[in-house]
Amino acid sequence: MTKEQIDLANGLVYLNRKGRRQTGKNRPTVKLPPTMASRFRDRPDGVLVLWRGQATEKNERLMRIARKRAGLGEDVNLYSIRHFCARWMRQNGVDPWSVAAQLGHSAGGRLTLTERYATADPLYLQGPCNALETLLQAVLAPIAGEKAPLALAAQG
């Protein structure tokens, strides 16, 4: 993904980059959680996901490294993260249609006019975005030396 695919003003990510024909593998426009937007805002143009300063070629390699560092089994893969995020969004009250849209699942067939113009609505996918933002904050808080929002809620 490149910085050119991000609309920071509207908090959107265009997964199908400009000039690339949309294929059967749907690459939708999704909402970008504020934590991710803040990390990408001051990055130079070009590729956003780097490993040791270089663009990554294979996500599987990065997943293998992350899995080893976290002490997770080989059964954990990139789809595990997608499945977890889908479950997280549903557990946080996001309706199935919005979860599907955020994950890039198509409604089947051609887009309806509503789906085509939905990204113009400022509330477009706000529910999934809020749920993912909560997840990001919970994951990043321990790294920053803070209590995770989930731990604070449990103390409540």
Protein backbone atom coordinates (compact mmCIF):
# COMPACT_ATOMS: atom_id res chain seq x y z
CA MET A 1 0.00 0.00 0.00
CA THR A 2 1.26 3.47 -0.83
CA LYS A 3 0.56 6.82 0.76
CA GLU A 4 -1.16 7.89 -2.45
CA GLN A 5 -3.92 5.38 -1.67
CA ILE A 6 -4.83 7.22 1.54
CA ASP A 7 -7.22 10.15 1.79
CA LEU A 8 -6.22 11.56 5.18
CA ALA A 9 -8.81 14.36 5.04
CA ASN A 10 -11.67 11.87 4.86
CA GLY A 11 -10.00 8.95 6.63
CA LEU A 12 -10.28 6.59 3.67
CA VAL A 13 -8.01 3.98 2.09
CA TYR A 14 -8.44 3.16 -1.58
CA LEU A 15 -7.25 -0.43 -1.71
CA ASN A 16 -7.55 -0.45 -5.50
CA ARG A 17 -4.85 2.05 -6.45
CA LYS A 18 -5.44 4.65 -9.19
CA GLY A 19 -5.12 3.31 -12.69
CA ARG A 20 -5.59 -0.31 -11.63
CA ARG A 21 -8.67 -2.03 -13.04
CA GLN A 22 -11.01 -3.45 -10.39
CA THR A 23 -11.03 -7.22 -10.81
CA GLY A 24 -13.07 -10.02 -9.27
CA LYS A 25 -10.84 -9.69 -6.20
CA ASN A 26 -12.66 -6.73 -4.74
CA ARG A 27 -10.33 -4.00 -3.48
CA PRO A 28 -12.77 -1.60 -1.80
CA THR A 29 -12.52 1.81 -0.23
CA VAL A 30 -12.41 1.37 3.55
CA LYS A 31 -12.26 3.62 6.59
CA LEU A 32 -8.84 4.22 8.16
CA PRO A 33 -8.71 4.20 11.99
CA PRO A 34 -7.22 7.43 13.44
CA THR A 35 -4.26 5.61 15.02
CA MET A 36 -3.19 4.31 11.61
CA ALA A 37 -3.82 7.70 10.00
CA SER A 38 -1.53 9.38 12.56
CA ARG A 39 1.22 6.85 11.82
CA PHE A 40 0.96 7.41 8.07
CA ARG A 41 0.42 11.19 8.07
CA ASP A 42 4.07 12.27 8.13
CA ARG A 43 5.48 9.40 6.11
CA PRO A 44 7.02 10.24 2.74
CA ASP A 45 5.19 9.32 -0.44
CA GLY A 46 5.56 5.78 -1.60
CA VAL A 47 5.23 2.39 0.05
CA LEU A 48 3.97 2.49 3.65
CA VAL A 49 4.74 -1.00 4.92
CA LEU A 50 8.49 -1.37 5.25
CA TRP A 51 10.76 -3.94 6.86
CA ARG A 52 14.20 -2.62 7.77
CA GLY A 53 13.64 0.35 5.48
CA GLN A 54 12.69 -1.73 2.44
CA ALA A 55 9.31 -2.40 0.84
CA THR A 56 8.04 -5.84 1.74
CA GLU A 57 7.66 -8.41 -1.01
CA LYS A 58 6.02 -11.22 0.91
CA ASN A 59 3.63 -10.59 3.80
CA GLU A 60 4.01 -14.23 4.79
CA ARG A 61 7.65 -13.60 5.73
CA LEU A 62 6.69 -10.74 8.04
CA MET A 63 3.93 -12.87 9.54
CA ARG A 64 6.42 -15.68 10.22
CA ILE A 65 8.76 -13.24 12.01
CA ALA A 66 5.91 -11.68 14.05
CA ARG A 67 4.52 -15.10 14.92
CA LYS A 68 7.92 -16.29 16.17
CA ARG A 69 8.45 -13.12 18.27
CA ALA A 70 5.00 -13.52 19.83
CA GLY A 71 5.51 -17.22 20.50
CA LEU A 72 2.48 -18.23 18.41
CA GLY A 73 2.01 -21.50 16.55
CA GLU A 74 2.30 -21.99 12.82
CA ASP A 75 -1.49 -22.22 12.56
CA VAL A 76 -1.65 -18.42 13.08
CA ASN A 77 -1.53 -16.63 9.72
CA LEU A 78 -2.67 -13.42 8.06
CA TYR A 79 -6.20 -14.79 7.73
CA SER A 80 -6.22 -15.39 11.49
CA ILE A 81 -5.84 -11.63 11.94
CA ARG A 82 -8.70 -10.92 9.50
CA HIS A 83 -10.92 -13.45 11.27
CA PHE A 84 -10.06 -11.97 14.65
CA CYS A 85 -10.83 -8.44 13.44
CA ALA A 86 -14.17 -9.59 12.01
CA ARG A 87 -15.09 -11.21 15.32
CA TRP A 88 -13.88 -8.14 17.24
CA MET A 89 -16.07 -5.82 15.15
CA ARG A 90 -19.14 -8.04 15.64
CA GLN A 91 -18.48 -8.27 19.41
CA ASN A 92 -18.33 -4.48 19.44
CA GLY A 93 -21.78 -4.13 17.90
CA VAL A 94 -20.88 -3.60 14.25
CA ASP A 95 -23.56 -4.90 11.90
CA PRO A 96 -22.61 -7.75 9.52
CA TRP A 97 -22.99 -5.59 6.37
CA SER A 98 -20.49 -3.03 7.69
CA VAL A 99 -18.03 -5.73 8.81
CA ALA A 100 -18.22 -7.27 5.34
CA ALA A 101 -17.69 -3.89 3.66
CA GLN A 102 -14.66 -3.06 5.85
CA LEU A 103 -13.13 -6.46 5.05
CA GLY A 104 -13.73 -5.99 1.33
CA HIS A 105 -16.38 -8.66 0.91
CA SER A 106 -18.55 -7.83 -2.05
CA ALA A 107 -22.32 -8.00 -1.96
CA GLY A 108 -22.14 -10.20 -5.05
CA GLY A 109 -22.60 -9.03 -8.61
CA ARG A 110 -22.33 -5.40 -9.61
CA LEU A 111 -22.29 -2.60 -7.08
CA THR A 112 -25.57 -0.85 -6.46
CA LEU A 113 -25.61 2.92 -6.75
CA THR A 114 -25.85 3.14 -2.97
CA GLU A 115 -22.70 1.04 -2.57
CA ARG A 116 -20.89 2.99 -5.28
CA TYR A 117 -21.55 6.37 -3.65
CA ALA A 118 -21.44 5.27 -0.01
CA THR A 119 -17.87 6.49 0.46
CA ALA A 120 -19.10 10.08 0.00
CA ASP A 121 -20.98 9.81 3.31
CA PRO A 122 -18.80 11.05 6.23
CA LEU A 123 -20.23 8.25 8.39
CA TYR A 124 -19.18 5.59 5.86
CA LEU A 125 -17.97 2.55 7.82
CA GLN A 126 -17.61 4.57 11.02
CA GLY A 127 -18.77 1.61 13.15
CA PRO A 128 -16.05 -0.79 11.95
CA CYS A 129 -13.49 2.01 12.11
CA ASN A 130 -14.37 2.76 15.75
CA ALA A 131 -14.17 -0.93 16.69
CA LEU A 132 -10.78 -1.31 14.99
CA GLU A 133 -9.53 1.87 16.67
CA THR A 134 -10.45 0.40 20.06
CA LEU A 135 -8.52 -2.74 19.15
CA LEU A 136 -5.47 -0.75 18.03
CA GLN A 137 -5.50 1.27 21.26
CA ALA A 138 -5.71 -1.93 23.31
CA VAL A 139 -2.75 -3.41 21.45
CA LEU A 140 -0.60 -0.26 21.46
CA ALA A 141 -1.20 0.88 25.07
CA PRO A 142 1.15 -1.70 26.64
CA ILE A 143 3.85 -0.75 24.11
CA ALA A 144 3.52 2.89 25.20
CA GLY A 145 3.67 1.85 28.88
CA GLU A 146 0.02 2.68 29.51
CA LYS A 147 -2.80 0.48 30.74
CA ALA A 148 -4.80 -0.97 27.90
CA PRO A 149 -8.35 0.42 27.56
CA LEU A 150 -9.69 -3.11 27.99
CA ALA A 151 -7.82 -3.50 31.30
CA LEU A 152 -9.15 -0.14 32.48
CA ALA A 153 -12.70 -1.17 31.58
CA ALA A 154 -12.29 -4.41 33.53
CA GLN A 155 -11.17 -2.44 36.61
CA GLY A 156 -14.19 -0.18 36.11
